Amino acid sequence: MAIAQSRLTAQGQISVPVEIRKKLGVGPGSVLEWEEQGDRVIVRRAGRYTSDDIHHALFPQGPAKKGTADVREGVREYIRKRHARR
């Protein structure tokens, strides 16, 4: 069942219903991401990552049997690389 509906304008714009804005915690100037998953399109506030996204970023070679200290170091390394000056 749909939570809410929007109408597409001739310019390709939509209004995000208030219920959805509240659920996503977005307002003017917020950025939304659109992701296609099979026959569905997922909309989320940019900057939110799933635990799978984080896991793949930290351990690109696959599942790892790591301790808490290893995970913390992996997060530090990933953030250093992501925010390194270019």
Protein backbone atom coordinates (compact mmCIF):
# COMPACT_ATOMS: atom_id res chain seq x y z
CA MET A 1 0.00 0.00 0.00
CA ALA A 2 1.35 3.42 -0.96
CA ILE A 3 2.23 5.85 1.85
CA ALA A 4 1.61 8.93 -0.31
CA GLN A 5 1.49 10.06 -3.93
CA SER A 6 3.20 12.80 -5.94
CA ARG A 7 2.46 14.26 -9.35
CA LEU A 8 5.26 14.77 -11.89
CA THR A 9 5.36 18.23 -13.50
CA ALA A 10 6.14 18.89 -17.16
CA GLN A 11 9.66 19.91 -16.05
CA GLY A 12 10.19 16.51 -14.36
CA GLN A 13 9.83 17.82 -10.80
CA ILE A 14 7.94 16.25 -7.92
CA SER A 15 6.86 17.44 -4.49
CA VAL A 16 7.83 15.14 -1.64
CA PRO A 17 4.77 14.62 0.59
CA VAL A 18 5.06 15.83 4.18
CA GLU A 19 4.79 12.27 5.55
CA ILE A 20 7.83 11.21 3.54
CA ARG A 21 9.82 14.36 4.41
CA LYS A 22 9.23 13.64 8.10
CA LYS A 23 10.20 9.96 7.76
CA LEU A 24 13.40 10.84 5.86
CA GLY A 25 14.17 13.88 8.01
CA VAL A 26 14.62 16.13 4.96
CA GLY A 27 13.83 19.74 4.22
CA PRO A 28 14.75 22.49 1.76
CA GLY A 29 18.18 21.86 0.26
CA SER A 30 18.32 18.19 1.24
CA VAL A 31 19.71 15.76 -1.31
CA LEU A 32 17.86 12.55 -2.11
CA GLU A 33 19.39 9.45 -3.72
CA TRP A 34 17.47 7.24 -6.14
CA GLU A 35 18.51 3.61 -6.53
CA GLU A 36 17.05 1.00 -8.85
CA GLN A 37 16.63 -2.48 -7.37
CA GLY A 38 14.97 -4.79 -9.86
CA ASP A 39 11.51 -3.43 -10.60
CA ARG A 40 11.62 -0.96 -7.66
CA VAL A 41 13.16 2.44 -7.14
CA ILE A 42 14.44 3.23 -3.65
CA VAL A 43 14.58 6.86 -2.50
CA ARG A 44 16.67 7.80 0.53
CA ARG A 45 18.34 10.79 2.05
CA ALA A 46 21.89 11.07 0.71
CA GLY A 47 24.55 10.17 3.21
CA ARG A 48 22.71 7.25 4.73
CA TYR A 49 24.46 3.96 4.28
CA THR A 50 23.30 0.45 5.00
CA SER A 51 25.39 -1.94 7.06
CA ASP A 52 26.12 -3.81 3.79
CA ASP A 53 27.50 -0.60 2.24
CA ILE A 54 29.79 -0.08 5.22
CA HIS A 55 30.86 -3.73 5.27
CA HIS A 56 31.79 -3.66 1.57
CA ALA A 57 33.71 -0.41 2.04
CA LEU A 58 35.68 -1.82 4.98
CA PHE A 59 36.17 -5.34 3.68
CA PRO A 60 36.12 -5.30 -0.15
CA GLN A 61 37.69 -8.79 -0.33
CA GLY A 62 34.67 -10.39 1.34
CA PRO A 63 33.64 -11.54 4.80
CA ALA A 64 36.23 -11.02 7.47
CA LYS A 65 36.60 -12.49 10.93
CA LYS A 66 37.83 -9.33 12.61
CA GLY A 67 37.79 -8.05 16.16
CA THR A 68 36.55 -4.67 17.35
CA ALA A 69 40.02 -3.11 17.13
CA ASP A 70 40.37 -4.27 13.51
CA VAL A 71 36.99 -2.80 12.60
CA ARG A 72 37.89 0.54 14.23
CA GLU A 73 41.16 0.65 12.29
CA GLY A 74 39.31 -0.24 9.08
CA VAL A 75 36.90 2.65 9.65
CA ARG A 76 39.79 5.05 10.33
CA GLU A 77 41.62 3.94 7.17
CA TYR A 78 38.50 4.26 5.03
CA ILE A 79 37.76 7.76 6.33
CA ARG A 80 41.38 8.84 5.79
CA LYS A 81 41.24 7.64 2.17
CA ARG A 82 37.81 9.15 1.53
CA HIS A 83 38.73 12.56 2.96
CA ALA A 84 42.34 12.70 1.78
CA ARG A 85 43.31 15.90 0.03
CA ARG A 86 43.78 15.33 -3.66
